[in-house]
Amino acid sequence: MVSKHKLEPGSLLEILPPVEFCCTYGSSLHPNNSNKSSMVDYILGVSDPLQWHSQMYKYGVVRMHNLVEDVLNWESFYLSGRLQKPVRVLVDDLDIECVNSVNLRGATSAALLLMPSKFTEEDLYAKICSLSYMGDLRMLFAEDKNKVKKIVQGQFDLFQTMYKPFLEEYATNDLLRFSSSEGHQVNLSQDCGLSAASSLVSTLPSKVRKKMGMWLGEKEKLNETGRVIREVVINSKEEAAECMRKVLRKRVMFSSARQAVAGLMTVGAVHGVRYLASKMQKAWKSRA
């Protein structure tokens, strides 16, 4: 009898594309095997491996510590960038959705730094969505140039649900104003002064602020509790925005290059080249 905590080997086939042959092997088959954590080894037979893999899910595995670090500090800005867009959470034992509120607030501030004084709600979501693509090597030649627009327009209601609490928070703090409404979205305006820009920068992840401080300079000030804190020197909203853009571009460029190499190593050179060619074809069509 199989333990209730252990899946039947055949259960994997329920979530995989159809196969023509499957067997398992290894120590997990031994009835007297005492190693409860033994890995089950599989051999799958299919008529066309490339076509079979094309039906597979895209997935990534990450250590939870690294996930939290990226969400809070934009360490690589890869996972945090993904979680700034709508996702469907299936399991969340550590309440990452709550932790992600820090990420969403930072994304709102970053986007507002890059926005003019007046803009639409869709413009703001598009800017938020584009943050994690700034510097992405794939966007140079292998991604649809309309990708951001398609994401936002296709999931507009989900973006509204995600970011409404933060827009209301910023409006309460006089950083944002709801000026008028057009159909299902609103027109927005913001304060572009130094004080407002400084407030936006203060809600960016600490490691982004630290990097900005290395370029723009830092000053010490007392916070509300009397504690000395370091603050990025802001001479203009435009200067702060450009500095932040450089920080994010560098992080995205590095992580996108690393992911591209990892992807090629995972799927193999031939399949990787075919996948890249397919992406480039779509990109060229979008630019035609």
Foldseek 3Di string as FASTA:
>chain_A
DDDPVDDDPCVVCVQADDFDDKDWDDPVPDPPDPPPPDDIHMDTHHPDVLVRVVPDDDDDDDDVVVLLCCLQAVQLVPNLLVVLADDDDDDDPPPVVVSNVLSVLLLQLLLVLVDAFKDWPLSSQLSSNCLLVQQQPCCVFQAQVCVSVCRCVVCVVVNCVSCVVNQVVCVVVQQKDFDADDPPITMIGGDFDPVSLQVSLVSHRPVLQVQQCVVQNWDWDADPVRDIDIGRDDPGSNVSSVSSSVVSSVSSNVVNVVVLVVVCVVVHVVSSVVSSVVSSVNRVVSVD
